Protein backbone atom coordinates (compact mmCIF):
# COMPACT_ATOMS: atom_id res chain seq x y z
CA MET A 1 -13.29 -32.73 30.68
CA LYS A 2 -14.41 -29.38 32.09
CA LYS A 3 -10.75 -28.29 32.23
CA PHE A 4 -10.28 -28.94 28.48
CA LEU A 5 -13.57 -27.26 27.64
CA PHE A 6 -12.53 -24.19 29.66
CA ILE A 7 -9.12 -24.07 27.95
CA GLY A 8 -10.77 -24.42 24.53
CA MET A 9 -13.26 -21.64 25.27
CA LEU A 10 -10.47 -19.42 26.64
CA MET A 11 -8.41 -19.93 23.48
CA PHE A 12 -11.44 -19.14 21.30
CA VAL A 13 -12.25 -15.96 23.24
CA CYS A 14 -8.61 -14.81 23.18
CA LEU A 15 -7.83 -15.67 19.57
CA PHE A 16 -11.10 -14.55 17.97
CA PRO A 17 -10.42 -10.82 18.51
CA ALA A 18 -6.77 -11.22 17.43
CA LYS A 19 -7.77 -10.87 13.78
CA SER A 20 -9.13 -7.41 14.45
CA LEU A 21 -5.84 -6.36 16.06
CA PHE A 22 -4.11 -6.63 12.68
CA SER A 23 -6.95 -5.57 10.40
CA ALA A 24 -7.46 -2.19 8.77
CA THR A 25 -8.36 0.46 11.29
CA LEU A 26 -9.65 3.06 8.82
CA GLU A 27 -11.66 3.09 5.60
CA LEU A 28 -9.84 5.24 3.01
CA THR A 29 -11.86 4.49 -0.14
CA GLY A 30 -12.15 7.64 -2.21
CA THR A 31 -10.24 10.31 -4.12
CA TRP A 32 -7.30 11.98 -2.37
CA ASP A 33 -4.89 14.87 -2.95
CA TYR A 34 -1.22 13.88 -2.58
CA THR A 35 2.24 15.44 -2.59
CA LEU A 36 5.43 13.48 -3.27
CA SER A 37 8.78 15.00 -2.28
CA ASN A 38 12.31 13.88 -1.41
CA ASN A 39 11.93 10.96 -3.85
CA TRP A 40 14.58 8.24 -4.04
CA ALA A 41 15.23 5.07 -6.02
CA VAL A 42 17.19 1.86 -5.53
CA GLY A 43 18.49 -0.07 -8.50
CA GLY A 44 20.98 -0.23 -11.31
CA ILE A 45 21.49 1.83 -14.43
CA GLN A 46 18.73 4.32 -15.27
CA CYS A 47 16.99 3.84 -11.95
CA ASN A 48 16.35 7.46 -11.09
CA PRO A 49 13.85 8.90 -8.65
CA GLY A 50 10.98 10.83 -10.16
CA PRO A 51 10.58 14.55 -9.58
CA ASP A 52 8.50 16.04 -6.77
CA ALA A 53 4.84 15.89 -7.72
CA SER A 54 1.33 16.59 -6.51
CA GLY A 55 -2.07 15.65 -7.84
CA THR A 56 -4.90 13.24 -7.12
CA CYS A 57 -5.06 9.53 -6.44
CA THR A 58 -7.77 7.01 -5.69
CA ILE A 59 -7.91 4.32 -3.04
CA GLU A 60 -10.33 1.41 -3.17
CA GLN A 61 -10.31 -0.60 0.05
CA THR A 62 -11.96 -3.93 0.75
CA GLY A 63 -11.26 -5.31 4.20
CA ASP A 64 -7.49 -5.67 4.56
CA THR A 65 -6.66 -5.18 0.86
CA PHE A 66 -6.55 -2.04 -1.26
CA THR A 67 -5.83 -0.64 -4.71
CA PHE A 68 -4.05 2.71 -5.01
CA ALA A 69 -3.86 4.60 -8.32
CA PHE A 70 -2.27 7.91 -9.25
CA THR A 71 -4.85 9.73 -11.38
CA SER A 72 -3.03 13.03 -11.99
CA GLY A 73 0.28 14.74 -11.32
CA VAL A 74 2.66 11.96 -12.39
CA VAL A 75 3.54 10.37 -15.71
CA CYS A 76 3.68 6.59 -15.61
CA SER A 77 5.29 4.59 -18.36
CA PRO A 78 3.80 2.06 -18.80
CA SER A 79 0.49 3.43 -17.55
CA GLU A 80 -0.09 0.28 -15.47
CA SER A 81 2.77 1.36 -13.19
CA CYS A 82 0.45 4.02 -11.69
CA THR A 83 -1.68 1.31 -9.98
CA PHE A 84 -0.60 -0.55 -6.83
CA GLU A 85 -2.32 -3.44 -5.07
CA GLY A 86 -1.58 -4.38 -1.50
CA THR A 87 -2.51 -5.21 2.05
CA ILE A 88 -3.28 -3.25 5.19
CA ASN A 89 -1.87 -3.98 8.62
CA GLY A 90 -3.57 -1.68 11.12
CA SER A 91 -2.95 1.77 9.66
CA VAL A 92 0.01 0.81 7.43
CA TYR A 93 -0.79 0.36 3.74
CA THR A 94 1.79 -1.52 1.64
CA GLY A 95 1.22 -1.98 -2.09
CA SER A 96 3.28 -2.91 -5.12
CA THR A 97 3.20 -3.22 -8.88
CA THR A 98 5.51 -5.12 -11.23
CA ASP A 99 5.50 -3.98 -14.83
CA THR A 100 7.35 -4.72 -18.08
CA VAL A 101 9.23 -1.56 -19.03
CA ASP A 102 10.99 -2.33 -22.31
CA ASP A 103 10.74 -4.48 -25.42
CA GLU A 104 13.34 -6.92 -24.05
CA GLY A 105 11.14 -8.04 -21.15
CA GLY A 106 12.80 -5.88 -18.51
CA SER A 107 10.60 -5.31 -15.50
CA VAL A 108 10.45 -2.96 -12.58
CA THR A 109 8.80 -3.47 -9.21
CA SER A 110 7.56 -0.39 -7.39
CA VAL A 111 6.44 -0.41 -3.76
CA ILE A 112 4.37 2.23 -2.02
CA VAL A 113 3.96 2.43 1.76
CA PHE A 114 1.92 4.94 3.69
CA THR A 115 0.49 5.28 7.16
CA ALA A 116 -3.06 6.51 7.62
CA SER A 117 -3.21 8.85 10.59
CA SER A 118 -6.99 9.40 10.39
CA ALA A 119 -9.88 8.83 8.01
CA THR A 120 -8.92 12.11 6.31
CA SER A 121 -5.12 12.13 6.49
CA GLN A 122 -2.13 10.01 5.49
CA GLN A 123 1.45 10.49 6.57
CA ARG A 124 4.88 9.12 5.81
CA MET A 125 4.19 8.08 2.28
CA GLY A 126 7.19 6.34 0.79
CA MET A 127 7.82 4.74 -2.53
CA GLN A 128 10.54 2.31 -3.54
CA VAL A 129 11.38 1.51 -7.13
CA GLY A 130 13.80 -1.24 -8.11
CA LYS A 131 14.73 -3.27 -11.13
């Protein structure tokens, strides 16, 4: 009986901190300056990358989830395509948005991925757009 109790306690002690290994390591809630360059797109006809841009964005983070929104510097059509919702794994933030883009029900899914290098800096921001 003591052997099983010890194994159970060992598993609890080892697995309990495992959640924190994969949780968000930084709190990035706030308004940020950004620069987008070397943009690219994947998709069919009329799937073109946007131009280089800079402006401001906001991040609202709750635990391991976040909302990212461009607030200036880019033109989003429809406007909802400026807002991404996603999850955080350590310092990697991955968000997406799927929006209807024409009157025939066509939709586009955009993905944004960035790595937070500190509470005041993000690096390797990438964006993927596909139809």
